[in-house]
Amino acid sequence: VAHLRTGIVLSPTGGALAKQLPLFKFGLGGKFGNGRQWQSWITLNDEVGAIIHLLSGDVRGPVNLTAPNPTTQSEFTRTLGRVLHRPTFMPIPSFGPKLLLGGELADALLFTGQKVLPRVLTASGYTFHHDTLEPALRSLLDRPAA
C-alpha cells in the first residue's frame, strides 16, 4: 500500500492558485509573511498522473506527490506575477490571514513550509509533465512565454 502525501496542487479552477489569481490580476498579489517558507507544489495533471502511475505499480510506503523543484513562497509570488505580467510588491502580513483563518490554521497553511522532494515517485519511473514552476504556471494559465 502506498501512502500518498501531496503538496499544494496547482489548478486555475480550484485550490490555492485559483484563490490567488483575482488578487494578482488586480495587482495586489504578494508574498505571505517573509516569503522564505518552502512551497512543495504539483500540477493537478501530474497529481492525477502520479496516482494512476502508482496504481499500476508495486510502490509501497510513503510517496510524496510533489514536483521535483520546490520553491520559496517569495519566488512563487514573483513567478506568478511574471507569468501574469502583474506587480508583486504588496506583501501580505501575517495578521490578516491569522484573523481570517485563525492563528494555527494560517500558520500551517501559509506561514510555515516544507521542502519536500518526490524521491520515491521519481525512482518508481514517473515522468513529470511539469517539473519547474514557471512553465507549469504558463501552461495552467494559458500564458505562453514571450
Protein backbone atom coordinates (compact mmCIF):
# COMPACT_ATOMS: atom_id res chain seq x y z
CA VAL A 1 0.00 0.00 0.00
CA ALA A 2 1.33 3.43 -0.95
CA HIS A 3 0.63 6.31 1.42
CA LEU A 4 0.28 9.48 -0.61
CA ARG A 5 1.50 12.80 0.78
CA THR A 6 0.62 15.65 -1.52
CA GLY A 7 1.95 19.15 -1.92
CA ILE A 8 -0.01 22.22 -2.99
CA VAL A 9 -1.99 21.12 -6.05
CA LEU A 10 -1.97 23.83 -8.71
CA SER A 11 -5.08 24.34 -10.83
CA PRO A 12 -6.65 27.53 -12.16
CA THR A 13 -10.11 26.19 -11.31
CA GLY A 14 -9.68 25.48 -7.61
CA GLY A 15 -7.41 25.45 -4.61
CA ALA A 16 -4.70 27.89 -3.63
CA LEU A 17 -3.85 29.11 -7.14
CA ALA A 18 -7.46 29.88 -8.03
CA LYS A 19 -7.85 31.87 -4.80
CA GLN A 20 -4.71 33.91 -5.52
CA LEU A 21 -5.49 34.75 -9.16
CA PRO A 22 -8.02 37.58 -8.54
CA LEU A 23 -5.59 39.40 -6.22
CA PHE A 24 -2.75 39.07 -8.70
CA LYS A 25 -4.89 40.15 -11.65
CA PHE A 26 -5.72 43.37 -9.79
CA GLY A 27 -2.05 43.97 -8.98
CA LEU A 28 -2.49 43.10 -5.30
CA GLY A 29 -0.51 39.86 -5.24
CA GLY A 30 2.31 39.47 -2.78
CA LYS A 31 4.29 37.07 -0.67
CA PHE A 32 2.95 35.74 2.61
CA GLY A 33 4.99 36.82 5.61
CA ASN A 34 8.73 36.86 4.95
CA GLY A 35 8.41 34.68 1.83
CA ARG A 36 11.18 32.28 2.87
CA GLN A 37 8.84 29.37 3.58
CA TRP A 38 9.11 26.49 1.11
CA GLN A 39 6.23 25.52 -1.14
CA SER A 40 6.19 22.00 -2.47
CA TRP A 41 3.74 22.00 -5.36
CA ILE A 42 2.40 19.77 -8.12
CA THR A 43 0.05 20.43 -11.02
CA LEU A 44 -3.34 18.73 -10.99
CA ASN A 45 -2.40 16.81 -14.17
CA ASP A 46 0.75 15.46 -12.53
CA GLU A 47 -1.14 14.64 -9.32
CA VAL A 48 -3.63 12.51 -11.27
CA GLY A 49 -0.89 11.07 -13.48
CA ALA A 50 1.20 10.10 -10.46
CA ILE A 51 -1.76 8.39 -8.79
CA ILE A 52 -2.51 6.39 -11.95
CA HIS A 53 1.19 5.50 -12.21
CA LEU A 54 1.25 4.31 -8.60
CA LEU A 55 -1.93 2.25 -9.03
CA SER A 56 -0.30 0.32 -11.86
CA GLY A 57 2.91 -0.39 -9.93
CA ASP A 58 4.01 -2.00 -6.72
CA VAL A 59 5.28 1.01 -4.77
CA ARG A 60 4.74 0.71 -1.03
CA GLY A 61 5.05 3.13 1.85
CA PRO A 62 5.07 6.93 1.88
CA VAL A 63 5.17 8.67 -1.51
CA ASN A 64 5.49 12.44 -1.87
CA LEU A 65 3.33 13.79 -4.68
CA THR A 66 5.22 17.00 -5.36
CA ALA A 67 7.15 18.37 -8.31
CA PRO A 68 10.91 17.80 -8.05
CA ASN A 69 11.65 21.54 -7.81
CA PRO A 70 10.02 23.14 -4.75
CA THR A 71 10.16 26.91 -4.50
CA THR A 72 10.02 29.54 -1.80
CA GLN A 73 6.81 31.45 -1.32
CA SER A 74 8.60 34.62 -2.42
CA GLU A 75 9.79 33.00 -5.67
CA PHE A 76 6.32 31.55 -6.28
CA THR A 77 4.88 35.06 -5.96
CA ARG A 78 7.46 36.60 -8.31
CA THR A 79 6.95 33.84 -10.86
CA LEU A 80 3.16 34.12 -10.82
CA GLY A 81 3.44 37.90 -11.20
CA ARG A 82 5.84 37.48 -14.13
CA VAL A 83 3.52 34.98 -15.86
CA LEU A 84 0.52 37.31 -15.40
CA HIS A 85 2.53 40.48 -16.16
CA ARG A 86 1.43 41.95 -12.83
CA PRO A 87 3.37 43.59 -9.98
CA THR A 88 4.02 41.66 -6.77
CA PHE A 89 5.17 44.32 -4.34
CA MET A 90 2.28 44.01 -1.84
CA PRO A 91 3.46 41.67 0.95
CA ILE A 92 0.64 40.10 2.89
CA PRO A 93 1.37 40.49 6.63
CA SER A 94 0.64 37.52 8.85
CA PHE A 95 -2.02 39.23 10.98
CA GLY A 96 -4.63 39.42 8.18
CA PRO A 97 -4.83 35.71 7.34
CA LYS A 98 -4.44 34.84 11.03
CA LEU A 99 -7.54 36.92 11.81
CA LEU A 100 -9.49 35.29 8.97
CA LEU A 101 -8.32 31.70 9.39
CA GLY A 102 -7.19 31.57 12.99
CA GLY A 103 -3.56 31.62 14.02
CA GLU A 104 -2.84 27.90 13.98
CA LEU A 105 -4.51 27.22 10.62
CA ALA A 106 -2.94 30.27 8.95
CA ASP A 107 0.49 29.27 10.27
CA ALA A 108 0.08 25.72 9.00
CA LEU A 109 -1.23 26.72 5.57
CA LEU A 110 0.60 29.94 4.76
CA PHE A 111 3.48 30.79 7.05
CA THR A 112 5.35 27.54 7.53
CA GLY A 113 6.63 25.40 4.73
CA GLN A 114 8.33 22.14 3.96
CA LYS A 115 10.84 21.40 1.25
CA VAL A 116 9.53 18.04 0.08
CA LEU A 117 11.01 16.04 -2.79
CA PRO A 118 9.37 13.17 -4.73
CA ARG A 119 12.28 10.71 -4.45
CA VAL A 120 10.16 7.53 -4.29
CA LEU A 121 7.85 8.71 -7.08
CA THR A 122 10.77 9.61 -9.34
CA ALA A 123 12.59 6.34 -8.53
CA SER A 124 9.44 4.42 -9.48
CA GLY A 125 9.74 5.79 -13.02
CA TYR A 126 7.16 8.57 -13.03
CA THR A 127 7.93 11.34 -15.54
CA PHE A 128 6.57 14.78 -14.70
CA HIS A 129 4.74 16.86 -17.29
CA HIS A 130 5.63 19.98 -15.28
CA ASP A 131 8.69 19.80 -13.08
CA THR A 132 9.51 23.52 -12.85
CA LEU A 133 7.19 26.29 -11.72
CA GLU A 134 7.19 28.89 -14.48
CA PRO A 135 6.42 26.50 -17.38
CA ALA A 136 3.77 24.86 -15.18
CA LEU A 137 2.05 28.18 -14.45
CA ARG A 138 2.29 29.25 -18.10
CA SER A 139 0.61 26.02 -19.17
CA LEU A 140 -2.08 26.13 -16.49
CA LEU A 141 -2.92 29.78 -17.19
CA ASP A 142 -2.51 29.57 -20.98
CA ARG A 143 0.23 32.23 -20.92
CA PRO A 144 2.97 31.36 -23.43
CA ALA A 145 6.48 32.65 -22.84
CA ALA A 146 7.25 35.96 -24.53
